[in-house]
Protein backbone atom coordinates (compact mmCIF):
# COMPACT_ATOMS: atom_id res chain seq x y z
CA MET A 1 -4.55 41.38 -2.32
CA ALA A 2 -7.03 38.50 -2.38
CA ASP A 3 -6.22 35.30 -0.54
CA TRP A 4 -6.38 31.82 -2.02
CA ILE A 5 -8.19 29.24 0.11
CA ARG A 6 -6.60 25.84 -0.42
CA GLU A 7 -8.80 22.78 0.09
CA PRO A 8 -6.74 19.80 1.27
CA LEU A 9 -9.56 17.23 1.44
CA HIS A 10 -7.96 14.45 -0.61
CA ASP A 11 -4.53 12.89 -0.20
CA GLY A 12 -2.29 14.02 -3.06
CA TRP A 13 -4.83 16.46 -4.48
CA ALA A 14 -5.86 20.03 -3.66
CA GLN A 15 -7.93 22.79 -5.21
CA ALA A 16 -7.85 26.49 -4.44
CA LEU A 17 -10.50 29.20 -4.58
CA ARG A 18 -9.75 32.90 -4.53
CA ALA A 19 -11.33 34.80 -1.67
CA ASP A 20 -11.86 38.36 -2.87
CA GLU A 21 -13.77 39.33 0.27
CA MET A 22 -13.99 37.45 3.57
CA LEU A 23 -17.56 37.81 4.82
CA TYR A 24 -17.31 35.57 7.87
CA ASP A 25 -14.49 33.74 9.63
CA SER A 26 -15.12 31.87 12.87
CA ALA A 27 -11.39 31.26 13.42
CA THR A 28 -11.98 28.95 16.39
CA ASP A 29 -9.65 26.28 17.70
CA HIS A 30 -12.04 23.51 16.69
CA GLN A 31 -13.74 23.96 13.33
CA ARG A 32 -13.12 26.95 11.09
CA LEU A 33 -16.21 28.13 9.26
CA ARG A 34 -15.70 30.72 6.54
CA VAL A 35 -17.84 32.48 3.97
CA PHE A 36 -16.11 34.43 1.24
CA SER A 37 -16.88 35.81 -2.19
CA ASN A 38 -15.28 34.29 -5.28
CA PRO A 39 -15.48 35.83 -8.78
CA ARG A 40 -16.70 32.59 -10.39
CA PHE A 41 -18.77 30.89 -7.70
CA GLY A 42 -20.14 33.83 -5.73
CA ARG A 43 -20.43 33.18 -2.02
CA VAL A 44 -18.57 30.08 -0.87
CA LEU A 45 -19.02 28.27 2.45
CA THR A 46 -16.08 26.21 3.74
CA LEU A 47 -15.58 24.11 6.87
CA ASP A 48 -11.92 23.66 7.76
CA ASP A 49 -11.21 24.92 4.23
CA VAL A 50 -13.32 22.15 2.63
CA VAL A 51 -16.04 23.48 0.32
CA GLN A 52 -19.52 22.77 1.64
CA THR A 53 -21.59 24.72 -0.87
CA THR A 54 -21.36 27.67 -3.23
CA GLU A 55 -23.78 30.19 -4.62
CA GLY A 56 -22.65 29.37 -8.14
CA ASP A 57 -22.94 25.59 -8.48
CA ASN A 58 -25.15 24.41 -5.61
CA PHE A 59 -28.07 24.06 -8.03
CA ILE A 60 -26.51 20.94 -9.55
CA TYR A 61 -26.24 19.11 -6.25
CA HIS A 62 -29.66 20.16 -5.00
CA GLU A 63 -31.51 19.51 -8.25
CA MET A 64 -30.10 16.04 -8.67
CA MET A 65 -30.84 14.99 -5.10
CA THR A 66 -34.45 16.20 -5.30
CA HIS A 67 -35.79 16.02 -8.84
CA VAL A 68 -34.42 12.55 -9.59
CA PRO A 69 -36.25 10.73 -6.76
CA ILE A 70 -39.36 12.94 -6.74
CA LEU A 71 -40.01 12.70 -10.48
CA ALA A 72 -39.10 9.01 -10.53
CA HIS A 73 -41.60 8.38 -7.73
CA GLY A 74 -44.32 10.32 -9.50
CA ALA A 75 -46.66 10.78 -6.54
CA ALA A 76 -44.50 12.02 -3.67
CA ARG A 77 -46.51 13.89 -1.05
CA GLN A 78 -44.36 13.52 2.07
CA VAL A 79 -40.61 14.24 1.83
CA CYS A 80 -37.99 14.13 4.57
CA ILE A 81 -34.65 15.94 4.34
CA VAL A 82 -31.98 14.91 6.84
CA GLY A 83 -29.51 17.78 7.14
CA GLY A 84 -29.73 20.52 4.55
CA GLY A 85 -29.56 23.37 7.03
CA ASP A 86 -28.66 25.87 4.31
CA GLY A 87 -32.15 25.45 2.85
CA GLY A 88 -31.06 24.64 -0.70
CA MET A 89 -32.53 21.15 -0.67
CA ALA A 90 -35.83 22.41 0.73
CA ARG A 91 -35.86 25.09 -1.97
CA GLU A 92 -35.83 22.48 -4.72
CA VAL A 93 -38.23 20.03 -3.07
CA LEU A 94 -40.79 22.78 -2.53
CA LYS A 95 -40.80 23.55 -6.25
CA HIS A 96 -42.84 20.36 -6.65
CA ARG A 97 -46.42 21.50 -6.27
CA ARG A 98 -47.72 18.02 -5.40
CA VAL A 99 -45.49 17.78 -2.34
CA GLU A 100 -47.72 18.47 0.65
CA LYS A 101 -45.19 18.43 3.47
CA VAL A 102 -41.42 18.61 3.82
CA THR A 103 -39.91 17.57 7.14
CA MET A 104 -36.39 18.93 7.45
CA VAL A 105 -34.31 17.47 10.29
CA GLU A 106 -31.28 19.60 11.14
CA ILE A 107 -29.13 18.91 14.19
CA ASP A 108 -28.03 22.51 14.73
CA ALA A 109 -30.40 25.48 14.70
CA ALA A 110 -27.39 27.78 14.41
CA VAL A 111 -26.69 26.37 10.93
CA VAL A 112 -30.12 27.52 9.77
CA ASP A 113 -29.72 30.97 11.33
CA PHE A 114 -26.22 31.33 9.89
CA SER A 115 -27.40 30.33 6.40
CA LYS A 116 -30.32 32.74 6.49
CA ARG A 117 -27.89 35.56 7.25
CA TYR A 118 -24.94 34.76 5.01
CA LEU A 119 -26.40 32.49 2.30
CA PRO A 120 -30.03 33.60 1.81
CA MET A 121 -29.75 32.98 -1.94
CA LEU A 122 -29.63 29.24 -1.24
CA SER A 123 -32.97 28.92 0.54
CA LYS A 124 -34.78 31.65 -1.43
CA GLY A 125 -37.62 31.83 1.10
CA ALA A 126 -37.98 28.07 1.64
CA PHE A 127 -37.99 28.49 5.42
CA ASP A 128 -41.13 30.63 5.12
CA ASP A 129 -43.09 28.05 3.12
CA PRO A 130 -45.95 26.67 5.28
CA ARG A 131 -45.34 23.17 3.88
CA LEU A 132 -41.90 23.06 5.54
CA GLU A 133 -41.59 21.70 9.07
CA LEU A 134 -38.16 22.36 10.57
CA VAL A 135 -37.22 19.84 13.25
CA ILE A 136 -34.08 20.59 15.26
CA ALA A 137 -32.92 17.11 16.21
CA ASP A 138 -30.29 14.48 15.59
CA GLY A 139 -31.09 12.87 12.25
CA ALA A 140 -30.27 9.36 13.42
CA GLY A 141 -32.49 9.67 16.48
CA PHE A 142 -35.31 11.18 14.47
CA MET A 143 -35.19 8.37 11.92
CA ARG A 144 -35.17 5.77 14.69
CA ASP A 145 -38.25 7.24 16.38
CA THR A 146 -40.33 8.58 13.50
CA ALA A 147 -43.62 7.02 12.47
CA GLY A 148 -42.41 7.38 8.90
CA GLY A 149 -44.67 7.37 5.88
CA PHE A 150 -42.22 9.33 3.74
CA ASP A 151 -42.37 8.89 -0.02
CA VAL A 152 -38.83 10.25 -0.45
CA ILE A 153 -36.02 10.58 2.10
CA ILE A 154 -33.02 12.73 1.14
CA VAL A 155 -29.90 12.44 3.29
CA ASP A 156 -28.00 15.68 2.74
CA SER A 157 -25.12 14.86 5.06
CA THR A 158 -21.56 15.99 5.43
CA ASP A 159 -18.79 13.43 4.89
CA PRO A 160 -18.71 10.48 7.33
CA ALA A 161 -16.71 12.15 10.07
CA GLY A 162 -17.78 13.81 13.30
CA PRO A 163 -21.56 14.38 13.67
CA GLY A 164 -22.23 13.15 10.12
CA GLU A 165 -20.64 9.75 10.63
CA VAL A 166 -23.73 8.08 12.10
CA LEU A 167 -25.74 8.95 8.96
CA PHE A 168 -23.60 6.45 7.02
CA SER A 169 -24.27 3.50 9.36
CA ASP A 170 -26.17 0.30 8.62
CA THR A 171 -28.50 1.04 11.55
CA PHE A 172 -29.42 4.46 10.20
CA TYR A 173 -30.16 3.07 6.75
CA GLY A 174 -32.32 0.36 8.29
CA HIS A 175 -34.35 2.93 10.19
CA ALA A 176 -34.68 5.04 7.04
CA LYS A 177 -35.95 2.03 5.10
CA ARG A 178 -38.62 1.47 7.75
CA ALA A 179 -39.63 5.15 7.53
CA LEU A 180 -40.38 4.91 3.80
CA SER A 181 -43.89 4.40 2.48
CA PRO A 182 -44.42 1.50 0.03
CA GLY A 183 -42.48 2.29 -3.13
CA GLY A 184 -40.57 5.05 -1.35
CA ILE A 185 -37.07 6.12 -2.37
CA LEU A 186 -34.01 6.85 -0.24
CA VAL A 187 -31.18 8.95 -1.70
CA THR A 188 -27.87 9.79 -0.04
CA GLN A 189 -24.78 11.84 -0.83
CA ASN A 190 -21.77 9.56 -1.16
CA GLY A 191 -18.91 11.84 -2.10
CA VAL A 192 -16.68 11.76 -5.15
CA PRO A 193 -16.06 8.05 -5.78
CA PHE A 194 -12.76 8.51 -7.62
CA MET A 195 -11.39 10.09 -4.45
CA GLN A 196 -13.69 8.65 -1.75
CA GLY A 197 -14.55 5.20 -3.03
CA ALA A 198 -15.00 3.68 0.42
CA GLU A 199 -17.98 5.96 1.12
CA LEU A 200 -19.89 4.54 -1.82
CA THR A 201 -18.80 0.95 -1.21
CA ASN A 202 -19.88 1.03 2.42
CA THR A 203 -23.26 2.58 1.64
CA MET A 204 -23.97 0.10 -1.15
CA ARG A 205 -22.96 -2.78 1.12
CA ALA A 206 -25.64 -1.60 3.56
CA PHE A 207 -28.24 -0.91 0.83
CA LYS A 208 -28.02 -4.31 -0.89
CA PRO A 209 -29.76 -6.34 1.87
CA LEU A 210 -32.33 -3.59 2.45
CA PHE A 211 -33.59 -2.69 -1.02
CA ALA A 212 -34.66 -4.60 -4.10
CA ASP A 213 -33.08 -1.85 -6.20
CA ALA A 214 -29.83 -0.53 -4.73
CA THR A 215 -27.41 1.48 -6.84
CA CYS A 216 -26.13 5.01 -7.31
CA TYR A 217 -26.26 7.79 -9.86
CA LEU A 218 -23.82 10.56 -10.74
CA ALA A 219 -23.62 14.31 -11.28
CA THR A 220 -20.68 16.63 -11.84
CA VAL A 221 -20.49 19.49 -9.35
CA PRO A 222 -17.44 21.65 -10.17
CA THR A 223 -16.41 22.57 -6.62
CA TYR A 224 -16.72 18.97 -5.38
CA ALA A 225 -13.46 18.24 -7.12
CA GLY A 226 -12.00 15.00 -8.38
CA GLY A 227 -14.70 13.70 -10.70
CA PRO A 228 -18.47 13.22 -10.61
CA MET A 229 -20.30 12.91 -7.32
CA ALA A 230 -22.24 9.77 -6.38
CA PHE A 231 -25.72 9.67 -4.87
CA GLY A 232 -26.94 6.46 -3.29
CA TRP A 233 -30.32 5.14 -4.46
CA GLY A 234 -32.45 2.60 -2.62
CA THR A 235 -36.04 1.51 -3.23
CA ASP A 236 -38.20 -1.59 -3.42
CA GLY A 237 -40.09 -0.17 -6.39
CA ASP A 238 -39.28 0.03 -10.09
CA ALA A 239 -39.00 3.82 -10.34
CA ARG A 240 -35.52 3.65 -11.86
CA THR A 241 -36.81 1.85 -14.97
CA LEU A 242 -39.27 4.58 -15.89
CA PRO A 243 -39.37 5.11 -19.69
CA LEU A 244 -38.06 8.42 -20.97
CA ALA A 245 -41.46 9.39 -22.41
CA GLU A 246 -43.16 9.05 -19.03
CA LEU A 247 -40.38 10.86 -17.23
CA ALA A 248 -40.52 13.67 -19.80
CA ALA A 249 -44.28 13.97 -19.34
CA ARG A 250 -43.91 14.26 -15.57
CA PHE A 251 -41.18 16.85 -16.01
CA ALA A 252 -43.29 18.93 -18.39
CA ALA A 253 -46.25 18.82 -16.00
CA SER A 254 -44.06 19.87 -13.06
CA GLY A 255 -43.33 23.30 -14.48
CA LEU A 256 -39.72 23.05 -13.32
CA GLU A 257 -37.05 25.16 -15.01
CA PRO A 258 -33.81 23.64 -13.65
CA GLY A 259 -30.29 24.60 -14.60
CA TYR A 260 -28.87 21.06 -14.71
CA TYR A 261 -31.61 18.44 -14.49
CA THR A 262 -33.35 17.15 -17.60
CA PRO A 263 -35.17 13.83 -18.10
CA GLU A 264 -32.31 12.70 -20.36
CA VAL A 265 -29.71 13.59 -17.73
CA HIS A 266 -31.85 11.77 -15.15
CA LEU A 267 -31.69 8.47 -17.04
CA ALA A 268 -28.07 8.89 -18.10
CA ALA A 269 -26.98 9.55 -14.50
CA PHE A 270 -27.56 5.87 -13.70
CA ALA A 271 -25.13 4.75 -16.44
CA LEU A 272 -22.03 4.09 -14.34
CA PRO A 273 -18.43 4.03 -15.57
CA GLY A 274 -16.36 0.96 -14.88
CA TYR A 275 -14.40 2.30 -11.92
CA VAL A 276 -17.66 3.20 -10.14
CA ARG A 277 -19.21 -0.18 -10.91
CA ARG A 278 -16.20 -1.87 -9.36
CA LEU A 279 -16.84 0.04 -6.13
CA MET A 280 -20.29 -1.54 -5.88
CA PRO A 281 -20.26 -4.73 -3.74
């Protein structure tokens, strides 16, 4: 019989996914990494039973963290991804033909190797694209020492615990701001605000002194349970106020065929419900 993997991430709330076939189980005393197949979401990656990504719905997360800032910018040539070792973020960034170079900073080379073996459908050959430079390094240290010049920086981090915690610090955001080119855009993953409101509040508290335009936008990713997910947005430009007609023209010229993103969804994602607005300092 199939097992049910119960995710206990939030206090008072749990979701469960059926594991029809266990493809990998590290079963260590420290962190338990598992990959299993689910009839609705395909291959699922969990860390200590918390869903990290799935074959079925990862496109929502990756499209919204890439297409929103890149199309809003309009002339992005240099993009930096912090984290993203599964290759899904690089996959979507590299769909933009005008992007000349993607610098992906991943702290653990084993994550990349693991993802190539067990989750190749996420990267879809992104690691073989000559425009991608894979840097195995601590993201915080890289951002502190880089010469910068990035038009878009995407922070594809885990939740603020363990190695990912430093990527939610004021110091890291300050270094990221310095690494942006004029008019550049920084986007971050900030969890599900209904369940993890402090993540968004703390990031926005750091963004406000750094950026002329500091806010967040939302997308609903089914396996990130508990409501829509928030993505931090910081820039000194006016990219967020782009008219729909211009955004639609850029989208048409891009040749993208996304499963979730549309220009209308792009603009609507910045319309925040009251409970999210109240989390913004």
